[in-house]
Amino acid sequence: MHPFRAAVEAGDLDRLTALLADDVTFNSPAVFKPYSGRDTVGVILSAVFRVFEDFRYESEIGAPGAADHALVFRARVGDKEVHGVDLVRMNGDGEVAELTVMIRPLSALNAVVQAMGAQLEAAS
């Protein structure tokens, strides 16, 4: 099991944040410009833990030891069923260098954007 997946499934935000490279890049499904840096991405992941309900990974795609993995998930945000993929790229030090999230359908993405916006506004 990929260490990113293990930390998410354990609900261990500290372990998850520790996996992030200092200069990690997060590509959000909601905005064009990526977010950068462990602290910034840590805040976003913390909000994700609060927004997504019944989160579960359904499958993991990627060879053991490979830099790139795709983690297919399902969750709920309010009454919307979310189907998505976390694309995780590791660096040579075993840290998450890049995280890209893809979400469908559009109605679920809109629910995620609204809920995440509220969480991030409250955090600032």
C-alpha atoms as a PDB file:
ATOM      1  CA  MET A   1       0.000   0.000   0.000  1.00  0.00           C
ATOM      2  CA  HIS A   2       1.291   3.456  -0.898  1.00  0.00           C
ATOM      3  CA  PRO A   3       2.344   5.484   2.195  1.00  0.00           C
ATOM      4  CA  PHE A   4       0.119   8.417   1.135  1.00  0.00           C
ATOM      5  CA  ARG A   5      -2.877   6.084   0.987  1.00  0.00           C
ATOM      6  CA  ALA A   6      -1.995   4.531   4.353  1.00  0.00           C
ATOM      7  CA  ALA A   7      -1.821   7.952   6.040  1.00  0.00           C
ATOM      8  CA  VAL A   8      -5.128   9.086   4.519  1.00  0.00           C
ATOM      9  CA  GLU A   9      -6.922   5.868   5.430  1.00  0.00           C
ATOM     10  CA  ALA A  10      -5.591   6.136   8.992  1.00  0.00           C
ATOM     11  CA  GLY A  11      -6.862   9.733   9.189  1.00  0.00           C
ATOM     12  CA  ASP A  12      -3.350  10.713  10.286  1.00  0.00           C
ATOM     13  CA  LEU A  13      -2.873  14.299   9.127  1.00  0.00           C
ATOM     14  CA  ASP A  14       0.520  14.594  10.867  1.00  0.00           C
ATOM     15  CA  ARG A  15       1.877  11.531   9.067  1.00  0.00           C
ATOM     16  CA  LEU A  16       0.363  12.737   5.799  1.00  0.00           C
ATOM     17  CA  THR A  17       1.937  16.189   6.125  1.00  0.00           C
ATOM     18  CA  ALA A  18       5.291  14.621   7.022  1.00  0.00           C
ATOM     19  CA  LEU A  19       5.217  12.795   3.671  1.00  0.00           C
ATOM     20  CA  LEU A  20       5.087  16.090   1.767  1.00  0.00           C
ATOM     21  CA  ALA A  21       8.246  17.582   0.305  1.00  0.00           C
ATOM     22  CA  ASP A  22       9.007  21.120   1.477  1.00  0.00           C
ATOM     23  CA  ASP A  23       8.297  22.363  -2.067  1.00  0.00           C
ATOM     24  CA  VAL A  24       5.339  20.057  -2.815  1.00  0.00           C
ATOM     25  CA  THR A  25       2.942  21.203  -5.534  1.00  0.00           C
ATOM     26  CA  PHE A  26      -0.806  20.637  -5.214  1.00  0.00           C
ATOM     27  CA  ASN A  27      -2.929  20.822  -8.354  1.00  0.00           C
ATOM     28  CA  SER A  28      -6.511  21.441  -7.327  1.00  0.00           C
ATOM     29  CA  PRO A  29      -9.508  20.498  -9.437  1.00  0.00           C
ATOM     30  CA  ALA A  30     -11.014  23.878  -8.554  1.00  0.00           C
ATOM     31  CA  VAL A  31      -8.338  26.407  -9.488  1.00  0.00           C
ATOM     32  CA  PHE A  32      -5.902  26.835 -12.360  1.00  0.00           C
ATOM     33  CA  LYS A  33      -2.842  27.933 -10.401  1.00  0.00           C
ATOM     34  CA  PRO A  34      -1.216  25.224  -8.262  1.00  0.00           C
ATOM     35  CA  TYR A  35      -0.567  25.626  -4.541  1.00  0.00           C
ATOM     36  CA  SER A  36       3.004  25.156  -3.314  1.00  0.00           C
ATOM     37  CA  GLY A  37       4.738  24.313  -0.067  1.00  0.00           C
ATOM     38  CA  ARG A  38       4.223  21.816   2.758  1.00  0.00           C
ATOM     39  CA  ASP A  39       2.456  24.283   5.082  1.00  0.00           C
ATOM     40  CA  THR A  40      -0.009  25.471   2.432  1.00  0.00           C
ATOM     41  CA  VAL A  41      -0.805  21.975   1.180  1.00  0.00           C
ATOM     42  CA  GLY A  42      -1.095  20.761   4.783  1.00  0.00           C
ATOM     43  CA  VAL A  43      -3.832  23.328   5.439  1.00  0.00           C
ATOM     44  CA  ILE A  44      -5.661  22.195   2.297  1.00  0.00           C
ATOM     45  CA  LEU A  45      -5.429  18.518   3.274  1.00  0.00           C
ATOM     46  CA  SER A  46      -6.694  19.335   6.752  1.00  0.00           C
ATOM     47  CA  ALA A  47      -9.753  20.971   5.174  1.00  0.00           C
ATOM     48  CA  VAL A  48     -10.241  17.938   2.921  1.00  0.00           C
ATOM     49  CA  PHE A  49     -10.356  15.693   6.005  1.00  0.00           C
ATOM     50  CA  ARG A  50     -13.214  17.828   7.347  1.00  0.00           C
ATOM     51  CA  VAL A  51     -15.140  18.161   4.063  1.00  0.00           C
ATOM     52  CA  PHE A  52     -15.092  14.622   2.655  1.00  0.00           C
ATOM     53  CA  GLU A  53     -17.373  12.093   4.346  1.00  0.00           C
ATOM     54  CA  ASP A  54     -17.235   8.305   3.960  1.00  0.00           C
ATOM     55  CA  PHE A  55     -13.924   8.658   2.130  1.00  0.00           C
ATOM     56  CA  ARG A  56     -12.516   5.401   0.807  1.00  0.00           C
ATOM     57  CA  TYR A  57      -9.915   4.378  -1.728  1.00  0.00           C
ATOM     58  CA  GLU A  58     -11.209   1.791  -4.187  1.00  0.00           C
ATOM     59  CA  SER A  59      -8.015   0.969  -6.024  1.00  0.00           C
ATOM     60  CA  GLU A  60      -4.373   1.847  -6.383  1.00  0.00           C
ATOM     61  CA  ILE A  61      -2.555   1.950  -9.701  1.00  0.00           C
ATOM     62  CA  GLY A  62       1.233   1.937  -9.840  1.00  0.00           C
ATOM     63  CA  ALA A  63       4.139  -0.438  -9.507  1.00  0.00           C
ATOM     64  CA  PRO A  64       5.791  -0.825  -6.099  1.00  0.00           C
ATOM     65  CA  GLY A  65       8.648   1.650  -5.865  1.00  0.00           C
ATOM     66  CA  ALA A  66       7.462   3.652  -8.879  1.00  0.00           C
ATOM     67  CA  ALA A  67       7.411   7.450  -8.600  1.00  0.00           C
ATOM     68  CA  ASP A  68       3.845   7.810  -9.884  1.00  0.00           C
ATOM     69  CA  HIS A  69       0.671   6.335  -8.411  1.00  0.00           C
ATOM     70  CA  ALA A  70      -3.037   6.833  -9.006  1.00  0.00           C
ATOM     71  CA  LEU A  71      -5.345   6.332  -6.025  1.00  0.00           C
ATOM     72  CA  VAL A  72      -9.001   6.016  -7.043  1.00  0.00           C
ATOM     73  CA  PHE A  73     -11.479   7.137  -4.386  1.00  0.00           C
ATOM     74  CA  ARG A  74     -15.114   7.734  -3.546  1.00  0.00           C
ATOM     75  CA  ALA A  75     -16.570  10.006  -0.888  1.00  0.00           C
ATOM     76  CA  ARG A  76     -19.526  12.227  -0.134  1.00  0.00           C
ATOM     77  CA  VAL A  77     -19.766  15.972   0.262  1.00  0.00           C
ATOM     78  CA  GLY A  78     -23.208  16.744   1.615  1.00  0.00           C
ATOM     79  CA  ASP A  79     -25.614  14.835  -0.589  1.00  0.00           C
ATOM     80  CA  LYS A  80     -23.211  14.586  -3.537  1.00  0.00           C
ATOM     81  CA  GLU A  81     -21.320  11.396  -4.343  1.00  0.00           C
ATOM     82  CA  VAL A  82     -17.738  12.222  -5.317  1.00  0.00           C
ATOM     83  CA  HIS A  83     -15.637   9.982  -7.550  1.00  0.00           C
ATOM     84  CA  GLY A  84     -12.025  10.980  -7.929  1.00  0.00           C
ATOM     85  CA  VAL A  85      -8.374  10.190  -8.350  1.00  0.00           C
ATOM     86  CA  ASP A  86      -5.346  11.332  -6.396  1.00  0.00           C
ATOM     87  CA  LEU A  87      -2.316  11.387  -8.688  1.00  0.00           C
ATOM     88  CA  VAL A  88       0.734  11.176  -6.424  1.00  0.00           C
ATOM     89  CA  ARG A  89       4.297  11.764  -7.656  1.00  0.00           C
ATOM     90  CA  MET A  90       7.139  10.959  -5.283  1.00  0.00           C
ATOM     91  CA  ASN A  91      10.621  12.479  -5.396  1.00  0.00           C
ATOM     92  CA  GLY A  92      13.929  10.642  -4.966  1.00  0.00           C
ATOM     93  CA  ASP A  93      13.759  11.141  -1.185  1.00  0.00           C
ATOM     94  CA  GLY A  94      10.448   9.266  -0.880  1.00  0.00           C
ATOM     95  CA  GLU A  95       8.435  12.451  -0.344  1.00  0.00           C
ATOM     96  CA  VAL A  96       5.314  13.577  -2.178  1.00  0.00           C
ATOM     97  CA  ALA A  97       6.593  16.100  -4.716  1.00  0.00           C
ATOM     98  CA  GLU A  98       3.305  16.616  -6.545  1.00  0.00           C
ATOM     99  CA  LEU A  99      -0.330  15.845  -5.794  1.00  0.00           C
ATOM    100  CA  THR A 100      -3.032  16.312  -8.411  1.00  0.00           C
ATOM    101  CA  VAL A 101      -6.698  15.670  -7.633  1.00  0.00           C
ATOM    102  CA  MET A 102      -9.305  14.980 -10.293  1.00  0.00           C
ATOM    103  CA  ILE A 103     -13.024  14.868  -9.358  1.00  0.00           C
ATOM    104  CA  ARG A 104     -16.231  14.002 -11.167  1.00  0.00           C
ATOM    105  CA  PRO A 105     -19.107  14.635 -11.765  1.00  0.00           C
ATOM    106  CA  LEU A 106     -19.331  18.406 -12.103  1.00  0.00           C
ATOM    107  CA  SER A 107     -22.077  18.661  -9.481  1.00  0.00           C
ATOM    108  CA  ALA A 108     -19.778  16.928  -6.967  1.00  0.00           C
ATOM    109  CA  LEU A 109     -16.862  19.180  -7.913  1.00  0.00           C
ATOM    110  CA  ASN A 110     -19.072  22.225  -7.338  1.00  0.00           C
ATOM    111  CA  ALA A 111     -20.033  20.882  -3.888  1.00  0.00           C
ATOM    112  CA  VAL A 112     -16.347  20.307  -3.062  1.00  0.00           C
ATOM    113  CA  VAL A 113     -15.396  23.819  -4.191  1.00  0.00           C
ATOM    114  CA  GLN A 114     -18.113  25.395  -2.052  1.00  0.00           C
ATOM    115  CA  ALA A 115     -17.332  23.320   1.051  1.00  0.00           C
ATOM    116  CA  MET A 116     -13.557  23.735   0.712  1.00  0.00           C
ATOM    117  CA  GLY A 117     -13.944  27.485   0.223  1.00  0.00           C
ATOM    118  CA  ALA A 118     -15.863  27.734   3.477  1.00  0.00           C
ATOM    119  CA  GLN A 119     -13.282  25.637   5.339  1.00  0.00           C
ATOM    120  CA  LEU A 120     -10.284  27.555   3.990  1.00  0.00           C
ATOM    121  CA  GLU A 121     -11.935  30.922   4.681  1.00  0.00           C
ATOM    122  CA  ALA A 122     -12.578  29.861   8.279  1.00  0.00           C
ATOM    123  CA  ALA A 123      -8.947  28.733   8.625  1.00  0.00           C
ATOM    124  CA  SER A 124      -7.498  32.089   7.555  1.00  0.00           C
END
